[in-house]
Amino acid sequence: MFPEDLKYTAEHEWVRVPGEAEGSVRVGITDFAQDALGDIVYVSLPQVGDTVTAGESCGELESTKSVSDVYAPLDGTVAAVNDALDATPELVNSDPYAGGWLFELVPADAGAVEGLLDAAAYQAGLES
């Protein structure tokens, strides 16, 4: 249910190492999160070059049910955003681990990724 090659946060974001941009990681939301939100109709993401802080809101996902914050999984600088979501925000629902990614960031501390949850720990947190 949750890809083993990703790292996760308690706020339901995933992190893939590496991202496409040099030194970056790719960030999205989990299948659990997209299912809980319902149909995504609008995505607001940070701008390339923005500095984000782990655990702080850096964007929003608007669904037919509600608006939910997107939290930065790590401290870093935004290197890319998924521009495809402007026209097709529903990619977050239909393909959360590939085409529905949100943004890439260059972590301030590359080793910080290892401090995130693995798939088993993330799933265990959902079950508790």
C-alpha atoms as a PDB file:
ATOM      1  CA  MET A   1       0.000   0.000   0.000  1.00  0.00           C
ATOM      2  CA  PHE A   2       2.888   2.380   0.757  1.00  0.00           C
ATOM      3  CA  PRO A   3       5.953   2.128  -1.499  1.00  0.00           C
ATOM      4  CA  GLU A   4       8.975   0.813   0.412  1.00  0.00           C
ATOM      5  CA  ASP A   5      11.445   3.065  -1.455  1.00  0.00           C
ATOM      6  CA  LEU A   6       9.927   6.256   0.001  1.00  0.00           C
ATOM      7  CA  LYS A   7      10.231   8.035   3.336  1.00  0.00           C
ATOM      8  CA  TYR A   8       7.135   9.430   5.085  1.00  0.00           C
ATOM      9  CA  THR A   9       6.027  12.073   7.564  1.00  0.00           C
ATOM     10  CA  ALA A  10       3.296  11.897  10.203  1.00  0.00           C
ATOM     11  CA  GLU A  11       1.547  14.666   8.188  1.00  0.00           C
ATOM     12  CA  HIS A  12       1.095  12.189   5.277  1.00  0.00           C
ATOM     13  CA  GLU A  13       3.760  13.496   2.909  1.00  0.00           C
ATOM     14  CA  TRP A  14       6.184  11.181   1.127  1.00  0.00           C
ATOM     15  CA  VAL A  15       9.771  11.905   0.079  1.00  0.00           C
ATOM     16  CA  ARG A  16      11.598  10.208  -2.801  1.00  0.00           C
ATOM     17  CA  VAL A  17      15.386  10.341  -3.086  1.00  0.00           C
ATOM     18  CA  PRO A  18      16.619  11.558  -5.498  1.00  0.00           C
ATOM     19  CA  GLY A  19      14.422  14.134  -7.215  1.00  0.00           C
ATOM     20  CA  GLU A  20      15.004  15.274 -10.795  1.00  0.00           C
ATOM     21  CA  ALA A  21      16.808  18.516  -9.882  1.00  0.00           C
ATOM     22  CA  GLU A  22      20.397  18.106  -8.708  1.00  0.00           C
ATOM     23  CA  GLY A  23      20.618  17.389  -4.971  1.00  0.00           C
ATOM     24  CA  SER A  24      16.843  17.442  -4.562  1.00  0.00           C
ATOM     25  CA  VAL A  25      14.171  15.149  -3.171  1.00  0.00           C
ATOM     26  CA  ARG A  26      10.649  14.835  -4.588  1.00  0.00           C
ATOM     27  CA  VAL A  27       7.638  15.413  -2.295  1.00  0.00           C
ATOM     28  CA  GLY A  28       4.002  14.371  -2.553  1.00  0.00           C
ATOM     29  CA  ILE A  29       1.112  13.201  -0.405  1.00  0.00           C
ATOM     30  CA  THR A  30       0.312   9.587   0.382  1.00  0.00           C
ATOM     31  CA  ASP A  31      -2.516   7.542  -1.050  1.00  0.00           C
ATOM     32  CA  PHE A  32      -4.069   7.602   2.431  1.00  0.00           C
ATOM     33  CA  ALA A  33      -4.044  11.423   2.427  1.00  0.00           C
ATOM     34  CA  GLN A  34      -5.480  11.833  -1.062  1.00  0.00           C
ATOM     35  CA  ASP A  35      -8.241   9.356  -0.235  1.00  0.00           C
ATOM     36  CA  ALA A  36      -9.109  11.214   2.971  1.00  0.00           C
ATOM     37  CA  LEU A  37      -9.211  14.556   1.145  1.00  0.00           C
ATOM     38  CA  GLY A  38     -11.460  13.415  -1.684  1.00  0.00           C
ATOM     39  CA  ASP A  39     -11.384  14.903  -5.178  1.00  0.00           C
ATOM     40  CA  ILE A  40      -8.603  17.504  -5.416  1.00  0.00           C
ATOM     41  CA  VAL A  41      -9.779  20.533  -7.414  1.00  0.00           C
ATOM     42  CA  TYR A  42      -6.989  23.071  -6.758  1.00  0.00           C
ATOM     43  CA  VAL A  43      -3.346  22.941  -5.709  1.00  0.00           C
ATOM     44  CA  SER A  44      -1.328  25.848  -4.268  1.00  0.00           C
ATOM     45  CA  LEU A  45       2.405  25.148  -4.043  1.00  0.00           C
ATOM     46  CA  PRO A  46       5.490  27.061  -2.916  1.00  0.00           C
ATOM     47  CA  GLN A  47       7.482  28.952  -5.545  1.00  0.00           C
ATOM     48  CA  VAL A  48      10.834  27.784  -6.903  1.00  0.00           C
ATOM     49  CA  GLY A  49      13.494  29.410  -4.731  1.00  0.00           C
ATOM     50  CA  ASP A  50      11.311  29.579  -1.607  1.00  0.00           C
ATOM     51  CA  THR A  51      12.899  28.415   1.627  1.00  0.00           C
ATOM     52  CA  VAL A  52      10.691  26.009   3.588  1.00  0.00           C
ATOM     53  CA  THR A  53      10.902  24.804   7.180  1.00  0.00           C
ATOM     54  CA  ALA A  54      10.189  21.217   8.234  1.00  0.00           C
ATOM     55  CA  GLY A  55       6.735  20.845   9.729  1.00  0.00           C
ATOM     56  CA  GLU A  56       5.476  24.225   8.536  1.00  0.00           C
ATOM     57  CA  SER A  57       2.769  24.773   5.929  1.00  0.00           C
ATOM     58  CA  CYS A  58       4.104  25.558   2.462  1.00  0.00           C
ATOM     59  CA  GLY A  59       1.023  25.011   0.297  1.00  0.00           C
ATOM     60  CA  GLU A  60      -2.593  23.914   0.166  1.00  0.00           C
ATOM     61  CA  LEU A  61      -4.707  21.238  -1.452  1.00  0.00           C
ATOM     62  CA  GLU A  62      -8.338  22.127  -2.023  1.00  0.00           C
ATOM     63  CA  SER A  63     -10.801  19.302  -2.443  1.00  0.00           C
ATOM     64  CA  THR A  64     -14.545  19.093  -2.807  1.00  0.00           C
ATOM     65  CA  LYS A  65     -14.598  18.383   0.972  1.00  0.00           C
ATOM     66  CA  SER A  66     -12.088  20.839   2.455  1.00  0.00           C
ATOM     67  CA  VAL A  67      -8.800  22.704   2.217  1.00  0.00           C
ATOM     68  CA  SER A  68      -5.744  20.993   3.675  1.00  0.00           C
ATOM     69  CA  ASP A  69      -2.241  22.330   4.288  1.00  0.00           C
ATOM     70  CA  VAL A  70       0.812  20.780   2.672  1.00  0.00           C
ATOM     71  CA  TYR A  71       3.702  20.631   5.127  1.00  0.00           C
ATOM     72  CA  ALA A  72       7.389  20.749   4.308  1.00  0.00           C
ATOM     73  CA  PRO A  73       8.931  17.405   5.250  1.00  0.00           C
ATOM     74  CA  LEU A  74      12.417  18.918   5.597  1.00  0.00           C
ATOM     75  CA  ASP A  75      14.160  22.280   5.822  1.00  0.00           C
ATOM     76  CA  GLY A  76      15.324  23.313   2.375  1.00  0.00           C
ATOM     77  CA  THR A  77      14.903  25.315  -0.809  1.00  0.00           C
ATOM     78  CA  VAL A  78      12.228  24.573  -3.400  1.00  0.00           C
ATOM     79  CA  ALA A  79      13.914  23.455  -6.638  1.00  0.00           C
ATOM     80  CA  ALA A  80      10.864  22.579  -8.783  1.00  0.00           C
ATOM     81  CA  VAL A  81       7.083  22.393  -8.676  1.00  0.00           C
ATOM     82  CA  ASN A  82       4.752  20.112 -10.598  1.00  0.00           C
ATOM     83  CA  ASP A  83       3.248  22.587 -13.072  1.00  0.00           C
ATOM     84  CA  ALA A  84       1.010  19.844 -14.497  1.00  0.00           C
ATOM     85  CA  LEU A  85      -1.152  20.182 -11.378  1.00  0.00           C
ATOM     86  CA  ASP A  86      -2.286  23.666 -12.473  1.00  0.00           C
ATOM     87  CA  ALA A  87      -4.370  22.135 -15.269  1.00  0.00           C
ATOM     88  CA  THR A  88      -4.928  18.654 -13.796  1.00  0.00           C
ATOM     89  CA  PRO A  89      -4.984  18.772  -9.967  1.00  0.00           C
ATOM     90  CA  GLU A  90      -6.771  15.408  -9.995  1.00  0.00           C
ATOM     91  CA  LEU A  91      -3.386  13.765 -10.688  1.00  0.00           C
ATOM     92  CA  VAL A  92      -2.846  13.972  -6.922  1.00  0.00           C
ATOM     93  CA  ASN A  93      -5.784  11.549  -6.566  1.00  0.00           C
ATOM     94  CA  SER A  94      -5.185   9.267  -9.536  1.00  0.00           C
ATOM     95  CA  ASP A  95      -1.390   8.975  -9.329  1.00  0.00           C
ATOM     96  CA  PRO A  96      -0.166  10.208  -5.914  1.00  0.00           C
ATOM     97  CA  TYR A  97       3.252   8.500  -6.083  1.00  0.00           C
ATOM     98  CA  ALA A  98       4.210   9.467  -9.647  1.00  0.00           C
ATOM     99  CA  GLY A  99       2.409  12.061 -11.793  1.00  0.00           C
ATOM    100  CA  GLY A 100       0.739  13.654  -8.767  1.00  0.00           C
ATOM    101  CA  TRP A 101       3.971  14.698  -7.016  1.00  0.00           C
ATOM    102  CA  LEU A 102       3.893  18.236  -5.589  1.00  0.00           C
ATOM    103  CA  PHE A 103       7.365  19.804  -5.454  1.00  0.00           C
ATOM    104  CA  GLU A 104      11.068  19.116  -5.167  1.00  0.00           C
ATOM    105  CA  LEU A 105      13.364  20.619  -2.594  1.00  0.00           C
ATOM    106  CA  VAL A 106      17.066  20.663  -1.910  1.00  0.00           C
ATOM    107  CA  PRO A 107      17.374  19.731   1.770  1.00  0.00           C
ATOM    108  CA  ALA A 108      19.442  22.011   4.000  1.00  0.00           C
ATOM    109  CA  ASP A 109      20.791  18.774   5.534  1.00  0.00           C
ATOM    110  CA  ALA A 110      20.862  15.844   3.093  1.00  0.00           C
ATOM    111  CA  GLY A 111      21.094  13.399   5.997  1.00  0.00           C
ATOM    112  CA  ALA A 112      17.780  14.616   7.439  1.00  0.00           C
ATOM    113  CA  VAL A 113      15.873  12.360   5.020  1.00  0.00           C
ATOM    114  CA  GLU A 114      17.031   9.352   7.031  1.00  0.00           C
ATOM    115  CA  GLY A 115      15.192  10.716  10.057  1.00  0.00           C
ATOM    116  CA  LEU A 116      11.810  10.376   8.331  1.00  0.00           C
ATOM    117  CA  LEU A 117       9.535   7.348   8.729  1.00  0.00           C
ATOM    118  CA  ASP A 118       9.918   4.219   6.621  1.00  0.00           C
ATOM    119  CA  ALA A 119       6.816   2.593   5.092  1.00  0.00           C
ATOM    120  CA  ALA A 120       6.300   0.173   8.020  1.00  0.00           C
ATOM    121  CA  ALA A 121       6.538   2.948  10.634  1.00  0.00           C
ATOM    122  CA  TYR A 122       4.169   5.183   8.661  1.00  0.00           C
ATOM    123  CA  GLN A 123       1.610   2.389   8.313  1.00  0.00           C
ATOM    124  CA  ALA A 124       1.947   1.495  12.001  1.00  0.00           C
ATOM    125  CA  GLY A 125       1.156   5.122  12.855  1.00  0.00           C
ATOM    126  CA  LEU A 126      -2.043   4.931  10.826  1.00  0.00           C
ATOM    127  CA  GLU A 127      -3.138   1.791  12.611  1.00  0.00           C
ATOM    128  CA  SER A 128      -2.616   3.134  16.129  1.00  0.00           C
END
